[in-house]
Structures are given as structure tokens and as C-alpha cells.
């Protein structure tokens, strides 16, 4: 019985390796003859080819897509699908540590921070007003004072 399970496992692993090799061969053929903009094209679920490479744990495919000369490059890693996940997020969600590690190694973390506000210390630290917006667009204002309890202003 153990021999059959082992044989089945080896057969499945060989099938997966063959499939991955086939995919990289197809990419080697197609990438030079198609528009690089297709690499960032999103399907109905707003997933890109890189999302699918991450979901199916194909590191060689992910590398070819990101490293293709003239293509979008590491910017592909930041594209979010309808579920709100990037290819990196899909890799993490699938428990694909090898892929998630590679995404982190190649992604441009400086670009991710460019659009963010720079945090500056409050001038008057005795009273701070915070606005919080929920998913429905409702805004709540919260005043925090060092001398009195905070109170929420709708």
C-alpha cells in the first residue's frame, strides 16, 4: 500500500513539473511576439497572469512575467484583483512561502511608500482630533485630550 501511495505521489509531482516546464516553454515562445501590456491585463475577476502564477505556485512563470524586458516589471506585483489581493497576497493566501519570499525580494518597496502621507508630530499634543471614515462613507470625529476623556463627535 505504501508503495502505491509513493508511486502516486511521484507521478503527481512529475506531472506538476512537466506542466510547469510546459508553461515556461509557452511563455518563452509567446512573450517576444505579444504586446507587453498583456502581462498586466486583468480578467473578469481583475486577476492578472501573475495572480494565476501565484495561485498555482509557479515560481518560474512568475519570474518570467515580472522579469520580461519591456514589460511592466515589478509593478505587476502591486496590481490588486477584485478580492483586493495582489499576486503577493495570493501567494501568502495560498501558503506559498517560496513565492511570497521571492515577491518581497524583488518588489520595489520605495515605490509603495511614495503615495503615502508623511507622519509628522502634532504641534499641540494636548488635544488631537482624529477623523475615521467607515466603509459606508460615514465619518466620525474623535477628540483626544490629555486633560479630559475623549469624546466622539458624529
N, C-alpha and C. Protein backbone atom coordinates (compact mmCIF):
# COMPACT_ATOMS: atom_id res chain seq x y z
N UNK A 1 0.83 -1.20 0.00
CA UNK A 1 0.00 0.00 0.00
C UNK A 1 0.87 1.25 0.00
N UNK A 2 1.91 1.28 0.84
CA UNK A 2 2.79 2.44 0.89
C UNK A 2 3.48 2.67 -0.44
N UNK A 3 3.80 1.59 -1.15
CA UNK A 3 4.45 1.70 -2.45
C UNK A 3 3.53 2.38 -3.44
N UNK A 4 2.23 2.05 -3.40
CA UNK A 4 1.27 2.66 -4.31
C UNK A 4 1.12 4.15 -4.02
N UNK A 5 1.05 4.52 -2.75
CA UNK A 5 0.94 5.93 -2.39
C UNK A 5 2.18 6.69 -2.83
N UNK A 6 3.34 6.11 -2.62
CA UNK A 6 4.57 6.75 -3.02
C UNK A 6 4.64 6.90 -4.53
N UNK A 7 4.22 5.87 -5.26
CA UNK A 7 4.22 5.92 -6.72
C UNK A 7 3.25 6.99 -7.20
N UNK A 8 2.09 7.07 -6.58
CA UNK A 8 1.10 8.08 -6.95
C UNK A 8 1.64 9.48 -6.68
N UNK A 9 2.31 9.64 -5.54
CA UNK A 9 2.88 10.95 -5.20
C UNK A 9 3.95 11.36 -6.19
N UNK A 10 4.80 10.41 -6.55
CA UNK A 10 5.87 10.70 -7.51
C UNK A 10 5.28 11.03 -8.86
N UNK A 11 4.26 10.28 -9.29
CA UNK A 11 3.62 10.53 -10.58
C UNK A 11 2.98 11.92 -10.60
N UNK A 12 2.31 12.29 -9.51
CA UNK A 12 1.69 13.62 -9.44
C UNK A 12 2.75 14.71 -9.47
N UNK A 13 3.84 14.51 -8.75
CA UNK A 13 4.92 15.51 -8.74
C UNK A 13 5.53 15.65 -10.12
N UNK A 14 5.74 14.55 -10.81
CA UNK A 14 6.29 14.61 -12.17
C UNK A 14 5.33 15.34 -13.11
N UNK A 15 4.04 15.08 -12.92
CA UNK A 15 3.05 15.77 -13.75
C UNK A 15 3.08 17.27 -13.53
N UNK A 16 3.23 17.67 -12.28
CA UNK A 16 3.29 19.10 -11.95
C UNK A 16 4.55 19.73 -12.54
N UNK A 17 5.68 19.05 -12.44
CA UNK A 17 6.93 19.56 -13.01
C UNK A 17 6.82 19.69 -14.53
N UNK A 18 6.20 18.72 -15.16
CA UNK A 18 6.02 18.76 -16.62
C UNK A 18 5.13 19.93 -17.00
N UNK A 19 4.05 20.15 -16.24
CA UNK A 19 3.14 21.26 -16.51
C UNK A 19 3.86 22.60 -16.36
N UNK A 20 4.64 22.75 -15.31
CA UNK A 20 5.39 24.00 -15.09
C UNK A 20 6.39 24.22 -16.22
N UNK A 21 7.07 23.17 -16.63
CA UNK A 21 8.04 23.28 -17.72
C UNK A 21 7.33 23.67 -19.01
N UNK A 22 6.17 23.07 -19.26
CA UNK A 22 5.37 23.39 -20.44
C UNK A 22 4.98 24.87 -20.44
N UNK A 23 4.54 25.37 -19.28
CA UNK A 23 4.13 26.77 -19.18
C UNK A 23 5.29 27.72 -19.47
N UNK A 24 6.46 27.41 -18.96
CA UNK A 24 7.60 28.30 -19.22
C UNK A 24 8.01 28.22 -20.70
N UNK A 25 7.88 27.06 -21.31
CA UNK A 25 8.16 26.94 -22.75
C UNK A 25 7.18 27.79 -23.55
N UNK A 26 5.91 27.75 -23.17
CA UNK A 26 4.90 28.55 -23.86
C UNK A 26 5.21 30.05 -23.69
N UNK A 27 5.57 30.45 -22.48
CA UNK A 27 5.93 31.85 -22.25
C UNK A 27 7.15 32.27 -23.06
N UNK A 28 8.15 31.40 -23.13
CA UNK A 28 9.34 31.70 -23.93
C UNK A 28 8.96 31.96 -25.39
N UNK A 29 7.97 31.26 -25.88
CA UNK A 29 7.53 31.44 -27.26
C UNK A 29 6.66 32.70 -27.42
N UNK A 30 5.70 32.88 -26.50
CA UNK A 30 4.71 33.96 -26.66
C UNK A 30 5.19 35.35 -26.27
N UNK A 31 5.95 35.46 -25.19
CA UNK A 31 6.31 36.79 -24.69
C UNK A 31 6.98 37.68 -25.73
N UNK A 32 7.89 37.18 -26.55
CA UNK A 32 8.52 38.06 -27.54
C UNK A 32 7.59 38.52 -28.67
N UNK A 33 6.45 37.84 -28.86
CA UNK A 33 5.61 38.18 -30.01
C UNK A 33 4.29 38.87 -29.63
N UNK A 34 4.00 39.00 -28.34
CA UNK A 34 2.78 39.68 -27.92
C UNK A 34 3.12 41.02 -27.27
N UNK A 35 2.14 41.87 -27.18
CA UNK A 35 2.33 43.16 -26.53
C UNK A 35 2.60 42.97 -25.03
N UNK A 36 3.64 43.62 -24.51
CA UNK A 36 3.92 43.51 -23.07
C UNK A 36 2.76 43.99 -22.19
N UNK A 37 1.86 44.79 -22.76
CA UNK A 37 0.72 45.27 -21.97
C UNK A 37 -0.21 44.11 -21.58
N UNK A 38 -0.14 43.01 -22.30
CA UNK A 38 -0.96 41.85 -21.94
C UNK A 38 -0.59 41.28 -20.58
N UNK A 39 0.63 41.52 -20.14
CA UNK A 39 1.06 40.99 -18.84
C UNK A 39 0.29 41.60 -17.69
N UNK A 40 -0.21 42.81 -17.87
CA UNK A 40 -0.97 43.46 -16.80
C UNK A 40 -2.47 43.44 -17.08
N UNK A 41 -2.89 42.75 -18.14
CA UNK A 41 -4.30 42.64 -18.49
C UNK A 41 -5.03 41.84 -17.41
N UNK A 42 -6.21 42.33 -17.02
CA UNK A 42 -6.96 41.69 -15.95
C UNK A 42 -8.20 40.99 -16.51
N UNK A 43 -8.53 39.82 -15.96
CA UNK A 43 -9.73 39.10 -16.38
C UNK A 43 -10.95 39.64 -15.64
N UNK A 44 -12.08 38.93 -15.72
CA UNK A 44 -13.30 39.40 -15.07
C UNK A 44 -13.16 39.54 -13.56
N UNK A 45 -12.29 38.74 -12.96
CA UNK A 45 -12.04 38.82 -11.52
C UNK A 45 -10.90 39.79 -11.22
N UNK A 46 -10.47 40.52 -12.24
CA UNK A 46 -9.39 41.50 -12.16
C UNK A 46 -8.05 40.88 -11.80
N UNK A 47 -7.91 39.58 -12.05
CA UNK A 47 -6.64 38.90 -11.82
C UNK A 47 -5.79 38.97 -13.08
N UNK A 48 -4.49 39.11 -12.88
CA UNK A 48 -3.53 39.14 -13.97
C UNK A 48 -2.90 37.75 -14.12
N UNK A 49 -2.12 37.54 -15.18
CA UNK A 49 -1.39 36.27 -15.27
C UNK A 49 -0.50 36.01 -14.04
N UNK A 50 0.02 37.08 -13.44
CA UNK A 50 0.87 36.90 -12.26
C UNK A 50 0.05 36.41 -11.06
N UNK A 51 -1.20 36.85 -10.95
CA UNK A 51 -2.08 36.32 -9.90
C UNK A 51 -2.22 34.81 -10.07
N UNK A 52 -2.42 34.37 -11.31
CA UNK A 52 -2.61 32.94 -11.57
C UNK A 52 -1.32 32.16 -11.31
N UNK A 53 -0.20 32.74 -11.65
CA UNK A 53 1.08 32.08 -11.36
C UNK A 53 1.23 31.90 -9.84
N UNK A 54 0.82 32.92 -9.09
CA UNK A 54 0.91 32.84 -7.62
C UNK A 54 -0.08 31.81 -7.07
N UNK A 55 -1.31 31.84 -7.57
CA UNK A 55 -2.32 30.88 -7.10
C UNK A 55 -1.90 29.44 -7.35
N UNK A 56 -1.23 29.22 -8.48
CA UNK A 56 -0.81 27.87 -8.85
C UNK A 56 0.62 27.56 -8.44
N UNK A 57 1.24 28.49 -7.74
CA UNK A 57 2.57 28.30 -7.16
C UNK A 57 3.62 27.94 -8.21
N UNK A 58 3.63 28.71 -9.30
CA UNK A 58 4.60 28.52 -10.39
C UNK A 58 5.64 29.63 -10.33
N UNK A 59 6.72 29.39 -9.61
CA UNK A 59 7.77 30.39 -9.44
C UNK A 59 8.42 30.76 -10.77
N UNK A 60 8.74 29.76 -11.60
CA UNK A 60 9.38 30.06 -12.89
C UNK A 60 8.50 30.95 -13.77
N UNK A 61 7.21 30.70 -13.75
CA UNK A 61 6.27 31.52 -14.54
C UNK A 61 6.23 32.94 -13.97
N UNK A 62 6.12 33.06 -12.65
CA UNK A 62 6.09 34.38 -12.01
C UNK A 62 7.36 35.16 -12.35
N UNK A 63 8.50 34.50 -12.30
CA UNK A 63 9.77 35.17 -12.60
C UNK A 63 9.81 35.64 -14.05
N UNK A 64 9.35 34.81 -14.97
CA UNK A 64 9.36 35.20 -16.38
C UNK A 64 8.44 36.40 -16.63
N UNK A 65 7.28 36.41 -15.99
CA UNK A 65 6.33 37.52 -16.17
C UNK A 65 6.90 38.83 -15.64
N UNK A 66 7.47 38.80 -14.45
CA UNK A 66 7.99 40.01 -13.82
C UNK A 66 9.28 40.49 -14.49
N UNK A 67 10.11 39.56 -14.89
CA UNK A 67 11.43 39.92 -15.43
C UNK A 67 11.45 40.11 -16.94
N UNK A 68 10.31 40.02 -17.60
CA UNK A 68 10.28 40.16 -19.05
C UNK A 68 10.70 41.58 -19.45
N UNK A 69 11.74 41.71 -20.28
CA UNK A 69 12.21 43.03 -20.71
C UNK A 69 11.11 43.78 -21.48
N UNK A 70 10.91 45.02 -21.14
CA UNK A 70 9.90 45.83 -21.80
C UNK A 70 8.52 45.68 -21.20
N UNK A 71 8.36 44.75 -20.27
CA UNK A 71 7.07 44.55 -19.61
C UNK A 71 6.92 45.47 -18.41
N UNK A 72 5.81 45.36 -17.72
CA UNK A 72 5.55 46.21 -16.55
C UNK A 72 6.52 45.98 -15.40
N UNK A 73 7.18 44.84 -15.37
CA UNK A 73 8.16 44.56 -14.32
C UNK A 73 7.54 44.34 -12.96
N UNK A 74 8.22 44.85 -11.93
CA UNK A 74 7.77 44.61 -10.56
C UNK A 74 6.45 45.29 -10.25
N UNK A 75 6.03 46.22 -11.10
CA UNK A 75 4.72 46.86 -10.93
C UNK A 75 3.59 45.85 -10.98
N UNK A 76 3.81 44.71 -11.63
CA UNK A 76 2.79 43.66 -11.68
C UNK A 76 2.44 43.15 -10.28
N UNK A 77 3.39 43.20 -9.38
CA UNK A 77 3.19 42.66 -8.03
C UNK A 77 2.20 43.50 -7.24
N UNK A 78 2.02 44.76 -7.62
CA UNK A 78 1.14 45.66 -6.88
C UNK A 78 -0.31 45.66 -7.37
N UNK A 79 -0.59 45.04 -8.50
CA UNK A 79 -1.95 45.06 -9.06
C UNK A 79 -2.86 44.19 -8.20
N UNK A 80 -3.99 44.77 -7.78
CA UNK A 80 -4.94 44.03 -6.94
C UNK A 80 -6.10 43.53 -7.78
N UNK A 81 -6.59 42.35 -7.42
CA UNK A 81 -7.74 41.78 -8.11
C UNK A 81 -9.02 42.20 -7.39
N UNK A 82 -10.17 41.67 -7.85
CA UNK A 82 -11.46 42.05 -7.26
C UNK A 82 -11.55 41.67 -5.78
N UNK A 83 -10.78 40.67 -5.36
CA UNK A 83 -10.78 40.27 -3.95
C UNK A 83 -9.89 41.19 -3.12
N UNK A 84 -9.22 42.14 -3.79
CA UNK A 84 -8.36 43.09 -3.08
C UNK A 84 -6.97 42.55 -2.81
N UNK A 85 -6.60 41.45 -3.48
CA UNK A 85 -5.29 40.87 -3.24
C UNK A 85 -4.36 41.07 -4.43
N UNK A 86 -3.13 41.36 -4.13
CA UNK A 86 -2.07 41.42 -5.12
C UNK A 86 -1.57 40.00 -5.36
N UNK A 87 -0.73 39.78 -6.37
CA UNK A 87 -0.13 38.45 -6.52
C UNK A 87 0.63 38.02 -5.26
N UNK A 88 1.30 38.97 -4.61
CA UNK A 88 1.97 38.68 -3.35
C UNK A 88 0.96 38.20 -2.31
N UNK A 89 -0.18 38.89 -2.22
CA UNK A 89 -1.24 38.49 -1.29
C UNK A 89 -1.81 37.12 -1.62
N UNK A 90 -1.93 36.82 -2.92
CA UNK A 90 -2.41 35.49 -3.32
C UNK A 90 -1.42 34.41 -2.91
N UNK A 91 -0.12 34.72 -3.06
CA UNK A 91 0.91 33.75 -2.66
C UNK A 91 0.82 33.49 -1.16
N UNK A 92 0.67 34.55 -0.38
CA UNK A 92 0.53 34.38 1.07
C UNK A 92 -0.73 33.61 1.41
N UNK A 93 -1.84 33.95 0.74
CA UNK A 93 -3.12 33.30 0.99
C UNK A 93 -3.05 31.80 0.67
N UNK A 94 -2.28 31.45 -0.35
CA UNK A 94 -2.14 30.04 -0.74
C UNK A 94 -1.11 29.31 0.11
N UNK A 95 -0.43 30.03 0.99
CA UNK A 95 0.60 29.41 1.81
C UNK A 95 1.87 29.10 1.03
N UNK A 96 2.07 29.83 -0.06
CA UNK A 96 3.22 29.61 -0.94
C UNK A 96 4.37 30.50 -0.47
N UNK A 97 5.10 30.05 0.51
CA UNK A 97 6.17 30.84 1.12
C UNK A 97 7.30 31.16 0.16
N UNK A 98 7.66 30.20 -0.69
CA UNK A 98 8.75 30.42 -1.65
C UNK A 98 8.42 31.58 -2.58
N UNK A 99 7.19 31.61 -3.08
CA UNK A 99 6.77 32.69 -3.97
C UNK A 99 6.65 34.02 -3.24
N UNK A 100 6.06 34.00 -2.06
CA UNK A 100 5.92 35.23 -1.28
C UNK A 100 7.29 35.82 -0.97
N UNK A 101 8.23 34.97 -0.63
CA UNK A 101 9.60 35.42 -0.34
C UNK A 101 10.21 36.07 -1.58
N UNK A 102 10.03 35.44 -2.74
CA UNK A 102 10.60 35.99 -3.97
C UNK A 102 9.95 37.34 -4.30
N UNK A 103 8.63 37.46 -4.15
CA UNK A 103 7.95 38.73 -4.41
C UNK A 103 8.54 39.84 -3.54
N UNK A 104 8.74 39.55 -2.25
CA UNK A 104 9.29 40.56 -1.34
C UNK A 104 10.71 40.94 -1.75
N UNK A 105 11.49 39.96 -2.20
CA UNK A 105 12.87 40.24 -2.61
C UNK A 105 12.94 41.17 -3.82
N UNK A 106 11.98 41.05 -4.75
CA UNK A 106 12.07 41.84 -5.99
C UNK A 106 11.18 43.07 -6.01
N UNK A 107 10.17 43.13 -5.17
CA UNK A 107 9.25 44.27 -5.24
C UNK A 107 9.94 45.56 -4.82
N UNK A 108 9.47 46.65 -5.39
CA UNK A 108 10.05 47.96 -5.12
C UNK A 108 9.30 48.58 -3.94
N UNK A 109 9.84 48.40 -2.76
CA UNK A 109 9.17 48.89 -1.55
C UNK A 109 9.19 50.40 -1.46
N UNK A 110 10.16 51.07 -2.09
CA UNK A 110 10.20 52.53 -2.07
C UNK A 110 9.03 53.12 -2.84
N UNK A 111 8.63 52.50 -3.97
CA UNK A 111 7.50 52.99 -4.75
C UNK A 111 6.20 52.88 -3.97
N UNK A 112 6.08 51.85 -3.15
CA UNK A 112 4.85 51.66 -2.38
C UNK A 112 4.66 52.79 -1.39
N UNK A 113 5.73 53.37 -0.90
CA UNK A 113 5.64 54.42 0.11
C UNK A 113 5.50 55.82 -0.50
N UNK A 114 5.71 55.98 -1.81
CA UNK A 114 5.69 57.31 -2.43
C UNK A 114 4.36 58.03 -2.28
N UNK A 115 3.25 57.30 -2.39
CA UNK A 115 1.95 57.94 -2.33
C UNK A 115 1.43 58.13 -0.92
N UNK A 116 2.15 57.68 0.07
CA UNK A 116 1.67 57.76 1.44
C UNK A 116 2.02 59.10 2.06
N UNK A 117 1.15 59.52 2.98
CA UNK A 117 1.40 60.76 3.72
C UNK A 117 2.54 60.55 4.69
N UNK A 118 3.34 61.57 4.83
CA UNK A 118 4.40 61.51 5.82
C UNK A 118 3.81 61.88 7.17
N UNK A 119 4.11 61.09 8.18
CA UNK A 119 3.60 61.37 9.52
C UNK A 119 4.47 62.43 10.18
N UNK A 120 3.81 63.44 10.75
CA UNK A 120 4.53 64.49 11.46
C UNK A 120 3.95 64.59 12.86
N UNK A 121 4.78 64.91 13.82
CA UNK A 121 4.28 65.04 15.19
C UNK A 121 3.28 66.19 15.30
N UNK A 122 2.28 66.00 16.14
CA UNK A 122 1.29 67.04 16.36
C UNK A 122 1.93 68.22 17.08
N UNK A 123 1.54 69.44 16.65
CA UNK A 123 2.10 70.65 17.29
C UNK A 123 1.56 70.82 18.69
N UNK A 124 0.26 70.61 18.83
CA UNK A 124 -0.37 70.75 20.14
C UNK A 124 -0.76 69.36 20.61
N UNK A 125 0.10 68.73 21.35
CA UNK A 125 -0.13 67.35 21.78
C UNK A 125 -1.16 67.24 22.90
N UNK A 126 -1.64 68.38 23.41
CA UNK A 126 -2.65 68.34 24.46
C UNK A 126 -4.02 67.94 23.91
N UNK A 127 -4.28 68.24 22.62
CA UNK A 127 -5.57 67.89 22.04
C UNK A 127 -5.37 67.50 20.58
N UNK A 128 -5.88 66.34 20.24
CA UNK A 128 -5.76 65.82 18.88
C UNK A 128 -7.14 65.45 18.39
N UNK A 129 -7.46 65.80 17.16
CA UNK A 129 -8.73 65.42 16.55
C UNK A 129 -8.45 64.40 15.45
N UNK A 130 -9.17 63.29 15.50
CA UNK A 130 -9.00 62.21 14.53
C UNK A 130 -10.31 62.00 13.80
N UNK A 131 -10.25 61.88 12.47
CA UNK A 131 -11.44 61.55 11.67
C UNK A 131 -11.29 60.13 11.16
N UNK A 132 -12.36 59.35 11.32
CA UNK A 132 -12.37 57.97 10.86
C UNK A 132 -13.56 57.80 9.93
N UNK A 133 -13.31 57.26 8.73
CA UNK A 133 -14.38 57.03 7.77
C UNK A 133 -14.59 55.53 7.63
N UNK A 134 -15.86 55.10 7.76
CA UNK A 134 -16.14 53.68 7.61
C UNK A 134 -16.41 53.34 6.15
N UNK A 135 -16.70 52.08 5.87
CA UNK A 135 -16.88 51.61 4.50
C UNK A 135 -18.09 52.24 3.82
N UNK A 136 -19.06 52.71 4.60
CA UNK A 136 -20.25 53.35 4.04
C UNK A 136 -20.07 54.84 3.82
N UNK A 137 -18.91 55.37 4.14
CA UNK A 137 -18.63 56.78 3.95
C UNK A 137 -18.98 57.65 5.14
N UNK A 138 -19.47 57.07 6.21
CA UNK A 138 -19.80 57.83 7.41
C UNK A 138 -18.51 58.24 8.11
N UNK A 139 -18.45 59.49 8.55
CA UNK A 139 -17.24 60.00 9.19
C UNK A 139 -17.53 60.25 10.67
N UNK A 140 -16.66 59.77 11.51
CA UNK A 140 -16.74 60.04 12.94
C UNK A 140 -15.50 60.82 13.33
N UNK A 141 -15.69 61.86 14.15
CA UNK A 141 -14.56 62.65 14.63
C UNK A 141 -14.34 62.33 16.10
N UNK A 142 -13.10 62.16 16.44
CA UNK A 142 -12.74 61.81 17.81
C UNK A 142 -11.74 62.83 18.30
N UNK A 143 -12.05 63.49 19.41
CA UNK A 143 -11.12 64.44 20.02
C UNK A 143 -10.48 63.78 21.22
N UNK A 144 -9.17 63.80 21.22
CA UNK A 144 -8.42 63.19 22.32
C UNK A 144 -7.65 64.30 23.02
N UNK A 145 -7.88 64.41 24.31
CA UNK A 145 -7.23 65.45 25.08
C UNK A 145 -6.47 64.80 26.24
N UNK A 146 -5.34 65.36 26.55
CA UNK A 146 -4.56 64.81 27.66
C UNK A 146 -5.18 65.19 29.01
N UNK A 147 -6.09 66.17 29.03
CA UNK A 147 -6.65 66.65 30.29
C UNK A 147 -8.05 66.12 30.56
N UNK A 148 -8.72 65.63 29.53
CA UNK A 148 -10.07 65.10 29.73
C UNK A 148 -10.25 63.82 28.93
N UNK A 149 -11.33 63.12 29.21
CA UNK A 149 -11.62 61.90 28.48
C UNK A 149 -11.97 62.25 27.04
N UNK A 150 -11.70 61.30 26.14
CA UNK A 150 -12.01 61.54 24.73
C UNK A 150 -13.51 61.50 24.52
N UNK A 151 -13.98 62.23 23.52
CA UNK A 151 -15.39 62.18 23.19
C UNK A 151 -15.55 62.10 21.69
N UNK A 152 -16.53 61.36 21.27
CA UNK A 152 -16.77 61.10 19.86
C UNK A 152 -17.81 62.07 19.34
N UNK A 153 -17.51 62.70 18.20
CA UNK A 153 -18.43 63.65 17.59
C UNK A 153 -18.85 63.09 16.24
N UNK A 154 -20.13 62.74 16.05
CA UNK A 154 -20.56 62.16 14.76
C UNK A 154 -20.56 63.17 13.64
